[in-house]
Amino acid sequence: MADKGILKLRLLRDDATPPGPDAAACRFGLQDNRDVLHEGVQREDGKIAFDFELRVAAAEDESQPPVFTGPFAFGRPQDRFVYLAWQHDGDTPGYLNRVKARLADIDWAMIHAVRETGGVLEADLSGRKAGGGKRPVAWRIVEGAPPTEEAPVL
């Protein structure tokens, strides 16, 4: 597979409250594959934005779906996703809950279009319940959107 470069993405969430009855103290953020949470940035519209980047690798003819790699990509190569997570705070290890955003809904046309515009692929996960691994995600291109913070890259 040839490296097709970096793709800029953004997840939005309207509320950092954990989706569940557990009232334990927790932290909310974008989870990387080292179990580190990356905090979002509160926007003027009240939503929390998480900017990040992934690498895109592809078959030579792009007849196969894109494969995403990087510190935020989880799952099998053809079924990647990213997590917004509520991590236990303090001495309790693990996660209270996580919301999964599928990357399989991003196709080559979207990747090429976002690169041509210099924009960002954005998905709003507001109101989404924990899990949701097979539930489609509506990614959209936000043209020329300013970054909400420096996007971490490997």
C-alpha atoms as a PDB file:
ATOM      1  CA  MET A   1       0.000   0.000   0.000  1.00  0.00           C
ATOM      2  CA  ALA A   2       1.234   3.452  -0.881  1.00  0.00           C
ATOM      3  CA  ASP A   3       1.069   6.271   1.641  1.00  0.00           C
ATOM      4  CA  LYS A   4      -1.454   8.873   0.491  1.00  0.00           C
ATOM      5  CA  GLY A   5      -0.546  11.415   3.151  1.00  0.00           C
ATOM      6  CA  ILE A   6      -2.301  13.145   5.992  1.00  0.00           C
ATOM      7  CA  LEU A   7      -6.039  13.679   6.368  1.00  0.00           C
ATOM      8  CA  LYS A   8      -7.392  16.355   8.730  1.00  0.00           C
ATOM      9  CA  LEU A   9     -10.452  15.376  10.760  1.00  0.00           C
ATOM     10  CA  ARG A  10     -12.613  16.881  13.495  1.00  0.00           C
ATOM     11  CA  LEU A  11     -15.124  15.339  15.880  1.00  0.00           C
ATOM     12  CA  LEU A  12     -17.754  17.443  17.639  1.00  0.00           C
ATOM     13  CA  ARG A  13     -19.749  16.715  20.776  1.00  0.00           C
ATOM     14  CA  ASP A  14     -22.260  18.999  22.482  1.00  0.00           C
ATOM     15  CA  ASP A  15     -21.870  17.571  25.968  1.00  0.00           C
ATOM     16  CA  ALA A  16     -19.034  15.983  27.938  1.00  0.00           C
ATOM     17  CA  THR A  17     -21.433  14.310  30.383  1.00  0.00           C
ATOM     18  CA  PRO A  18     -20.870  10.526  30.390  1.00  0.00           C
ATOM     19  CA  PRO A  19     -23.656   8.543  28.677  1.00  0.00           C
ATOM     20  CA  GLY A  20     -24.651   6.402  31.632  1.00  0.00           C
ATOM     21  CA  PRO A  21     -25.795   6.412  35.245  1.00  0.00           C
ATOM     22  CA  ASP A  22     -22.308   6.156  36.791  1.00  0.00           C
ATOM     23  CA  ALA A  23     -21.499   9.418  38.578  1.00  0.00           C
ATOM     24  CA  ALA A  24     -17.806   8.567  39.034  1.00  0.00           C
ATOM     25  CA  ALA A  25     -15.252  11.277  38.335  1.00  0.00           C
ATOM     26  CA  CYS A  26     -13.912  11.019  34.809  1.00  0.00           C
ATOM     27  CA  ARG A  27     -12.083  12.865  32.046  1.00  0.00           C
ATOM     28  CA  PHE A  28     -13.456  13.287  28.506  1.00  0.00           C
ATOM     29  CA  GLY A  29     -11.464  13.398  25.290  1.00  0.00           C
ATOM     30  CA  LEU A  30     -10.259  11.862  22.049  1.00  0.00           C
ATOM     31  CA  GLN A  31      -8.560   8.550  22.879  1.00  0.00           C
ATOM     32  CA  ASP A  32      -5.257   7.582  21.287  1.00  0.00           C
ATOM     33  CA  ASN A  33      -3.867   4.055  21.071  1.00  0.00           C
ATOM     34  CA  ARG A  34      -1.671   4.641  24.139  1.00  0.00           C
ATOM     35  CA  ASP A  35      -4.744   5.268  26.334  1.00  0.00           C
ATOM     36  CA  VAL A  36      -4.072   9.000  26.499  1.00  0.00           C
ATOM     37  CA  LEU A  37      -7.044  11.354  26.229  1.00  0.00           C
ATOM     38  CA  HIS A  38      -6.643  14.528  24.189  1.00  0.00           C
ATOM     39  CA  GLU A  39      -8.861  17.367  25.366  1.00  0.00           C
ATOM     40  CA  GLY A  40     -11.070  19.211  22.964  1.00  0.00           C
ATOM     41  CA  VAL A  41     -11.607  22.925  22.531  1.00  0.00           C
ATOM     42  CA  GLN A  42     -14.901  24.602  23.461  1.00  0.00           C
ATOM     43  CA  ARG A  43     -16.284  26.458  20.437  1.00  0.00           C
ATOM     44  CA  GLU A  44     -18.464  29.567  20.457  1.00  0.00           C
ATOM     45  CA  ASP A  45     -21.499  27.434  19.530  1.00  0.00           C
ATOM     46  CA  GLY A  46     -20.997  25.413  22.745  1.00  0.00           C
ATOM     47  CA  LYS A  47     -19.732  22.264  21.048  1.00  0.00           C
ATOM     48  CA  ILE A  48     -16.442  20.643  21.962  1.00  0.00           C
ATOM     49  CA  ALA A  49     -14.134  20.160  18.951  1.00  0.00           C
ATOM     50  CA  PHE A  50     -11.418  17.530  18.650  1.00  0.00           C
ATOM     51  CA  ASP A  51      -9.034  18.129  15.741  1.00  0.00           C
ATOM     52  CA  PHE A  52      -6.696  15.307  14.755  1.00  0.00           C
ATOM     53  CA  GLU A  53      -4.932  13.808  11.770  1.00  0.00           C
ATOM     54  CA  LEU A  54      -4.635  10.312  10.339  1.00  0.00           C
ATOM     55  CA  ARG A  55      -2.517   8.898   7.543  1.00  0.00           C
ATOM     56  CA  VAL A  56      -4.227   7.364   4.538  1.00  0.00           C
ATOM     57  CA  ALA A  57      -2.837   4.299   2.780  1.00  0.00           C
ATOM     58  CA  ALA A  58      -4.450   2.775  -0.301  1.00  0.00           C
ATOM     59  CA  ALA A  59      -4.291   0.022  -2.876  1.00  0.00           C
ATOM     60  CA  GLU A  60      -2.622   1.221  -6.070  1.00  0.00           C
ATOM     61  CA  ASP A  61      -5.907   1.606  -8.005  1.00  0.00           C
ATOM     62  CA  GLU A  62      -8.082   2.846  -5.115  1.00  0.00           C
ATOM     63  CA  SER A  63     -10.618   0.119  -5.844  1.00  0.00           C
ATOM     64  CA  GLN A  64     -10.429  -0.852  -2.174  1.00  0.00           C
ATOM     65  CA  PRO A  65     -11.672   1.363   0.665  1.00  0.00           C
ATOM     66  CA  PRO A  66      -9.122   3.700   2.254  1.00  0.00           C
ATOM     67  CA  VAL A  67      -7.073   2.385   5.157  1.00  0.00           C
ATOM     68  CA  PHE A  68      -6.431   4.868   7.970  1.00  0.00           C
ATOM     69  CA  THR A  69      -3.423   4.662  10.275  1.00  0.00           C
ATOM     70  CA  GLY A  70      -2.066   6.703  13.120  1.00  0.00           C
ATOM     71  CA  PRO A  71      -2.312   7.151  16.862  1.00  0.00           C
ATOM     72  CA  PHE A  72      -6.099   7.577  16.897  1.00  0.00           C
ATOM     73  CA  ALA A  73      -7.084   4.709  14.561  1.00  0.00           C
ATOM     74  CA  PHE A  74      -8.509   1.563  16.175  1.00  0.00           C
ATOM     75  CA  GLY A  75      -9.869  -1.661  14.703  1.00  0.00           C
ATOM     76  CA  ARG A  76      -9.121  -3.847  11.690  1.00  0.00           C
ATOM     77  CA  PRO A  77      -7.597  -2.090   8.647  1.00  0.00           C
ATOM     78  CA  GLN A  78     -10.849  -2.161   6.631  1.00  0.00           C
ATOM     79  CA  ASP A  79     -13.047  -1.290   9.621  1.00  0.00           C
ATOM     80  CA  ARG A  80     -11.221   1.516  11.467  1.00  0.00           C
ATOM     81  CA  PHE A  81     -12.800   3.884  13.950  1.00  0.00           C
ATOM     82  CA  VAL A  82     -11.869   6.570  16.476  1.00  0.00           C
ATOM     83  CA  TYR A  83     -13.102   6.994  20.050  1.00  0.00           C
ATOM     84  CA  LEU A  84     -14.397   9.832  22.153  1.00  0.00           C
ATOM     85  CA  ALA A  85     -13.983   8.431  25.643  1.00  0.00           C
ATOM     86  CA  TRP A  86     -14.780   9.030  29.294  1.00  0.00           C
ATOM     87  CA  GLN A  87     -11.779   7.756  31.239  1.00  0.00           C
ATOM     88  CA  HIS A  88     -11.969   7.099  34.971  1.00  0.00           C
ATOM     89  CA  ASP A  89     -10.154   9.765  36.950  1.00  0.00           C
ATOM     90  CA  GLY A  90      -7.841   9.035  39.815  1.00  0.00           C
ATOM     91  CA  ASP A  91      -6.965   5.510  40.942  1.00  0.00           C
ATOM     92  CA  THR A  92      -9.633   3.647  38.961  1.00  0.00           C
ATOM     93  CA  PRO A  93      -8.200   2.309  35.682  1.00  0.00           C
ATOM     94  CA  GLY A  94     -10.053   2.033  32.392  1.00  0.00           C
ATOM     95  CA  TYR A  95     -12.969   3.750  30.756  1.00  0.00           C
ATOM     96  CA  LEU A  96     -16.416   4.625  31.981  1.00  0.00           C
ATOM     97  CA  ASN A  97     -17.712   4.652  28.407  1.00  0.00           C
ATOM     98  CA  ARG A  98     -16.749   5.403  24.790  1.00  0.00           C
ATOM     99  CA  VAL A  99     -18.462   6.599  21.628  1.00  0.00           C
ATOM    100  CA  LYS A 100     -17.187   5.070  18.412  1.00  0.00           C
ATOM    101  CA  ALA A 101     -16.978   7.045  15.140  1.00  0.00           C
ATOM    102  CA  ARG A 102     -16.605   4.820  12.088  1.00  0.00           C
ATOM    103  CA  LEU A 103     -14.060   5.807   9.469  1.00  0.00           C
ATOM    104  CA  ALA A 104     -15.534   3.344   6.923  1.00  0.00           C
ATOM    105  CA  ASP A 105     -18.017   6.056   5.934  1.00  0.00           C
ATOM    106  CA  ILE A 106     -15.160   8.130   4.469  1.00  0.00           C
ATOM    107  CA  ASP A 107     -14.622   7.231   0.808  1.00  0.00           C
ATOM    108  CA  TRP A 108     -11.999   8.217  -1.760  1.00  0.00           C
ATOM    109  CA  ALA A 109     -14.175  10.967  -3.240  1.00  0.00           C
ATOM    110  CA  MET A 110     -14.379  12.660   0.167  1.00  0.00           C
ATOM    111  CA  ILE A 111     -10.641  12.327   0.719  1.00  0.00           C
ATOM    112  CA  HIS A 112      -9.832  13.895  -2.654  1.00  0.00           C
ATOM    113  CA  ALA A 113     -12.416  16.658  -2.188  1.00  0.00           C
ATOM    114  CA  VAL A 114     -11.187  17.650   1.283  1.00  0.00           C
ATOM    115  CA  ARG A 115      -7.608  17.783   0.024  1.00  0.00           C
ATOM    116  CA  GLU A 116      -8.604  19.980  -2.928  1.00  0.00           C
ATOM    117  CA  THR A 117     -10.376  22.447  -0.637  1.00  0.00           C
ATOM    118  CA  GLY A 118      -7.748  22.359   2.109  1.00  0.00           C
ATOM    119  CA  GLY A 119     -10.559  21.783   4.569  1.00  0.00           C
ATOM    120  CA  VAL A 120     -11.360  19.311   7.306  1.00  0.00           C
ATOM    121  CA  LEU A 121     -13.622  16.256   7.464  1.00  0.00           C
ATOM    122  CA  GLU A 122     -15.994  16.853  10.366  1.00  0.00           C
ATOM    123  CA  ALA A 123     -18.513  14.613  12.145  1.00  0.00           C
ATOM    124  CA  ASP A 124     -20.896  15.653  14.907  1.00  0.00           C
ATOM    125  CA  LEU A 125     -21.327  12.930  17.538  1.00  0.00           C
ATOM    126  CA  SER A 126     -23.668  15.002  19.709  1.00  0.00           C
ATOM    127  CA  GLY A 127     -26.376  12.863  21.267  1.00  0.00           C
ATOM    128  CA  ARG A 128     -24.776   9.613  20.147  1.00  0.00           C
ATOM    129  CA  LYS A 129     -24.955   6.859  22.749  1.00  0.00           C
ATOM    130  CA  ALA A 130     -21.955   4.790  23.821  1.00  0.00           C
ATOM    131  CA  GLY A 131     -20.801   2.153  21.373  1.00  0.00           C
ATOM    132  CA  GLY A 132     -22.394   2.646  17.983  1.00  0.00           C
ATOM    133  CA  GLY A 133     -19.663   0.853  16.063  1.00  0.00           C
ATOM    134  CA  LYS A 134     -21.834  -0.082  13.080  1.00  0.00           C
ATOM    135  CA  ARG A 135     -23.975   3.041  13.108  1.00  0.00           C
ATOM    136  CA  PRO A 136     -23.058   5.261  10.122  1.00  0.00           C
ATOM    137  CA  VAL A 137     -21.324   8.558  10.765  1.00  0.00           C
ATOM    138  CA  ALA A 138     -22.172  11.616   8.657  1.00  0.00           C
ATOM    139  CA  TRP A 139     -18.791  13.092   7.737  1.00  0.00           C
ATOM    140  CA  ARG A 140     -18.860  16.418   5.929  1.00  0.00           C
ATOM    141  CA  ILE A 141     -16.262  18.689   4.445  1.00  0.00           C
ATOM    142  CA  VAL A 142     -15.796  21.987   6.224  1.00  0.00           C
ATOM    143  CA  GLU A 143     -13.882  24.147   3.778  1.00  0.00           C
ATOM    144  CA  GLY A 144     -11.048  26.280   5.040  1.00  0.00           C
ATOM    145  CA  ALA A 145     -12.023  25.695   8.662  1.00  0.00           C
ATOM    146  CA  PRO A 146      -9.416  27.043  11.063  1.00  0.00           C
ATOM    147  CA  PRO A 147      -7.886  24.462  13.379  1.00  0.00           C
ATOM    148  CA  THR A 148      -9.225  24.400  16.902  1.00  0.00           C
ATOM    149  CA  GLU A 149      -5.800  23.447  18.254  1.00  0.00           C
ATOM    150  CA  GLU A 150      -2.574  21.998  16.943  1.00  0.00           C
ATOM    151  CA  ALA A 151      -3.539  18.606  15.546  1.00  0.00           C
ATOM    152  CA  PRO A 152      -1.353  15.767  16.822  1.00  0.00           C
ATOM    153  CA  VAL A 153       0.394  13.709  14.129  1.00  0.00           C
ATOM    154  CA  LEU A 154       2.728  10.733  14.123  1.00  0.00           C
END
